[in-house]
Protein backbone atom coordinates (compact mmCIF):
# COMPACT_ATOMS: atom_id res chain seq x y z
CA UNK A 1 -39.47 -25.86 -17.00
CA UNK A 2 -35.89 -24.48 -17.16
CA UNK A 3 -35.73 -22.13 -15.01
CA UNK A 4 -35.37 -25.20 -12.06
CA UNK A 5 -32.32 -27.23 -13.63
CA UNK A 6 -30.96 -23.53 -14.10
CA UNK A 7 -31.51 -22.54 -10.20
CA UNK A 8 -29.57 -26.36 -9.92
CA UNK A 9 -27.24 -25.60 -11.55
CA UNK A 10 -26.15 -23.36 -10.09
CA UNK A 11 -26.76 -24.30 -6.85
CA UNK A 12 -23.82 -26.84 -7.19
CA UNK A 13 -21.05 -23.91 -9.35
CA UNK A 14 -21.53 -22.43 -6.45
CA UNK A 15 -21.13 -25.97 -3.76
CA UNK A 16 -17.81 -26.36 -6.37
CA UNK A 17 -16.23 -23.03 -6.06
CA UNK A 18 -16.88 -23.32 -1.93
CA UNK A 19 -15.09 -27.03 -2.01
CA UNK A 20 -12.22 -26.02 -3.96
CA UNK A 21 -11.48 -22.72 -1.61
CA UNK A 22 -12.33 -25.12 1.41
CA UNK A 23 -9.28 -27.37 0.56
CA UNK A 24 -7.20 -24.77 -0.06
CA UNK A 25 -7.10 -23.26 2.85
CA UNK A 26 -8.41 -19.67 3.54
CA UNK A 27 -4.88 -17.59 2.90
CA UNK A 28 -5.94 -14.93 5.30
CA UNK A 29 -5.67 -17.11 8.46
CA UNK A 30 -1.86 -18.89 7.43
CA UNK A 31 -0.65 -15.09 8.71
CA UNK A 32 2.65 -15.40 5.93
CA UNK A 33 2.99 -12.16 4.47
CA UNK A 34 2.88 -13.35 1.46
CA UNK A 35 -0.70 -14.71 1.67
CA UNK A 36 -1.74 -11.43 3.37
CA UNK A 37 -0.57 -9.69 0.52
CA UNK A 38 -3.02 -10.87 -1.69
CA UNK A 39 -5.26 -8.96 0.36
CA UNK A 40 -3.03 -5.53 -0.59
CA UNK A 41 -5.06 -2.74 -1.89
CA UNK A 42 -2.61 -0.49 -4.14
CA UNK A 43 -5.31 2.91 -4.18
CA UNK A 44 -5.75 5.55 -1.49
CA UNK A 45 -8.75 7.85 -2.63
CA UNK A 46 -10.31 10.21 -0.26
CA UNK A 47 -12.73 7.51 1.97
CA UNK A 48 -9.70 4.41 1.91
CA UNK A 49 -6.56 4.18 2.85
CA UNK A 50 -3.53 2.32 -0.24
CA UNK A 51 -2.84 -0.73 2.20
CA UNK A 52 -0.18 -3.13 1.07
CA UNK A 53 1.90 -5.56 3.63
CA UNK A 54 5.98 -5.77 2.84
CA UNK A 55 8.68 -8.30 4.96
CA UNK A 56 10.80 -6.12 7.40
CA UNK A 57 14.33 -7.47 6.32
CA UNK A 58 15.96 -8.86 9.17
CA UNK A 59 19.02 -7.10 10.83
CA UNK A 60 18.22 -4.27 12.37
CA UNK A 61 15.43 -1.00 11.65
CA UNK A 62 18.45 1.02 10.13
CA UNK A 63 16.11 0.92 6.79
CA UNK A 64 14.16 3.68 4.49
CA UNK A 65 10.74 3.03 2.71
CA UNK A 66 10.54 3.06 -1.35
CA UNK A 67 6.95 3.78 -2.77
CA UNK A 68 6.82 4.12 -5.99
CA UNK A 69 3.81 6.07 -7.27
CA UNK A 70 1.86 4.58 -10.83
CA UNK A 71 -0.93 6.65 -10.93
CA UNK A 72 -1.86 10.16 -8.98
CA UNK A 73 -5.03 12.29 -9.92
CA UNK A 74 -5.41 15.33 -7.68
CA UNK A 75 -8.77 16.36 -5.52
CA UNK A 76 -11.77 18.71 -7.10
CA UNK A 77 -10.27 21.62 -5.22
CA UNK A 78 -7.41 22.30 -3.70
CA UNK A 79 -3.95 20.10 -3.19
CA UNK A 80 -3.70 16.50 -1.09
CA UNK A 81 -0.27 14.88 0.85
CA UNK A 82 -0.05 11.62 1.07
CA UNK A 83 0.55 10.30 4.97
CA UNK A 84 2.32 7.42 5.35
CA UNK A 85 2.23 4.99 7.97
CA UNK A 86 3.41 1.04 9.66
CA UNK A 87 1.30 -0.71 11.31
CA UNK A 88 1.09 -4.52 13.05
CA UNK A 89 -0.30 -6.94 10.52
CA UNK A 90 -3.05 -7.77 12.81
CA UNK A 91 -6.38 -6.68 13.47
CA UNK A 92 -6.08 -3.83 15.61
CA UNK A 93 -2.13 -3.21 15.05
CA UNK A 94 -0.60 -0.39 16.40
CA UNK A 95 -0.15 1.93 13.81
CA UNK A 96 3.19 4.79 13.86
CA UNK A 97 3.65 7.86 11.83
CA UNK A 98 6.68 7.24 8.64
CA UNK A 99 6.05 10.69 6.99
CA UNK A 100 4.58 12.85 3.73
CA UNK A 101 4.97 13.49 0.10
CA UNK A 102 2.38 15.42 -2.57
CA UNK A 103 1.97 15.19 -5.68
CA UNK A 104 3.74 18.57 -7.28
CA UNK A 105 2.48 19.58 -9.67
CA UNK A 106 -0.84 17.74 -8.78
CA UNK A 107 -2.02 16.72 -12.30
CA UNK A 108 -2.86 13.77 -12.93
CA UNK A 109 -0.88 11.72 -14.42
CA UNK A 110 -0.09 7.59 -15.20
CA UNK A 111 3.00 5.80 -15.40
CA UNK A 112 3.17 4.55 -19.29
CA UNK A 113 6.74 2.06 -17.37
CA UNK A 114 8.45 1.71 -14.58
CA UNK A 115 10.73 4.79 -15.88
CA UNK A 116 7.41 7.39 -15.45
CA UNK A 117 6.87 6.38 -12.27
CA UNK A 118 6.96 8.54 -9.54
CA UNK A 119 9.84 7.82 -6.46
CA UNK A 120 9.42 8.47 -3.27
CA UNK A 121 11.89 7.81 -0.03
CA UNK A 122 11.25 8.40 3.39
CA UNK A 123 13.31 7.64 7.12
CA UNK A 124 12.24 4.27 8.31
CA UNK A 125 13.98 3.94 11.16
CA UNK A 126 11.85 5.57 13.86
CA UNK A 127 8.59 3.93 13.00
CA UNK A 128 9.91 0.39 13.43
CA UNK A 129 11.61 1.61 16.57
CA UNK A 130 9.13 2.49 17.72
CA UNK A 131 7.11 -0.96 16.64
CA UNK A 132 9.70 -2.92 18.37
CA UNK A 133 9.04 -5.69 15.52
CA UNK A 134 12.05 -8.55 14.26
CA UNK A 135 11.36 -8.98 11.53
CA UNK A 136 7.83 -9.76 10.95
CA UNK A 137 5.35 -7.76 7.89
CA UNK A 138 4.42 -4.95 8.58
CA UNK A 139 1.54 -3.03 6.74
CA UNK A 140 1.86 0.16 4.81
CA UNK A 141 -0.38 2.11 4.86
CA UNK A 142 -1.27 5.70 2.36
CA UNK A 143 -3.75 7.93 3.37
CA UNK A 144 -4.71 10.98 1.19
CA UNK A 145 -5.36 14.19 3.33
CA UNK A 146 -6.21 17.91 1.73
CA UNK A 147 -3.27 20.39 2.27
CA UNK A 148 -5.86 22.70 3.30
CA UNK A 149 -7.72 23.20 6.34
CA UNK A 150 -10.76 23.68 4.93
CA UNK A 151 -11.03 21.64 1.67
CA UNK A 152 -11.19 18.40 1.00
CA UNK A 153 -9.86 15.80 -0.54
CA UNK A 154 -12.63 14.41 -2.48
CA UNK A 155 -12.15 13.03 -6.06
CA UNK A 156 -7.55 12.31 -4.90
CA UNK A 157 -6.76 8.61 -5.95
CA UNK A 158 -3.38 7.83 -5.98
CA UNK A 159 -1.49 4.22 -6.67
CA UNK A 160 1.23 2.60 -5.57
CA UNK A 161 3.33 0.26 -7.31
CA UNK A 162 6.32 -1.15 -5.93
CA UNK A 163 7.06 -0.88 -1.93
CA UNK A 164 9.93 -1.77 -0.02
CA UNK A 165 12.00 -1.25 2.66
CA UNK A 166 16.11 -0.99 1.33
CA UNK A 167 18.45 -0.92 3.77
CA UNK A 168 20.59 2.66 4.50
CA UNK A 169 23.87 1.04 3.28
CA UNK A 170 22.29 -0.21 -0.09
CA UNK A 171 19.99 3.06 -0.36
CA UNK A 172 22.45 4.97 -1.69
CA UNK A 173 23.20 5.20 -5.29
CA UNK A 174 20.30 2.61 -6.21
CA UNK A 175 18.09 5.43 -8.74
CA UNK A 176 15.61 4.96 -7.49
CA UNK A 177 14.27 8.44 -6.79
CA UNK A 178 14.62 9.12 -10.55
CA UNK A 179 16.88 12.12 -9.72
CA UNK A 180 15.22 13.66 -7.21
CA UNK A 181 15.30 14.05 -3.75
CA UNK A 182 12.01 13.23 -1.97
CA UNK A 183 12.95 12.48 1.54
CA UNK A 184 11.72 14.23 3.94
C-alpha cells in the first residue's frame, strides 16, 4: 500500500522542480554570456573538448588569450597537444584556430592553488578579426589531439581554470605565464 504514495510523492516533487525551472526561465535562451557560462565544460578528454564561453572586450581585437590549466593526465601512450579555437557563440557558429600548446613534461598533475597552475598565452588577434565579432561572447574550445600520427589521445584529460582575453598592452608584466614564455 505504500507504493502508490511513494509514486505520488515522486510525481509531486518532479512537478515542483519543473515549475521552479519554468519560473526561472531557460537561461540558455537568454543569449547572455553569463547564462551560457553555466553550460561550460572545463575538462577536455580524447573525445570531448573543453568549452568555455567568455566575453570579448570592447575596443579592438589586439588581445591575447590566457588559459590556465588546473589539472592534466597524459594519454596512455605518447603525448598530446591542446588545440585551441574560437567559435561564434551560436549553434553552428564558425570556428577559427588560435593556436596550440602542450604540457611538458607530459606528467600527471593537479594544481593545489593558483601558483601551481600552468599558464599559456596565445595570440587571439587574427582569430577574432576573422570572426569579425564586436564585443559579443565567444566560445573557447580546447581539444586534445595526439602529437604523433598513429597514436591516440585515449586516457588524456586536461582541466581548465581561468580563461580570459587580455589586451596586449595590459599583458606585458601581469605574471600569468608563471615566468615561462608559452606563446606561439
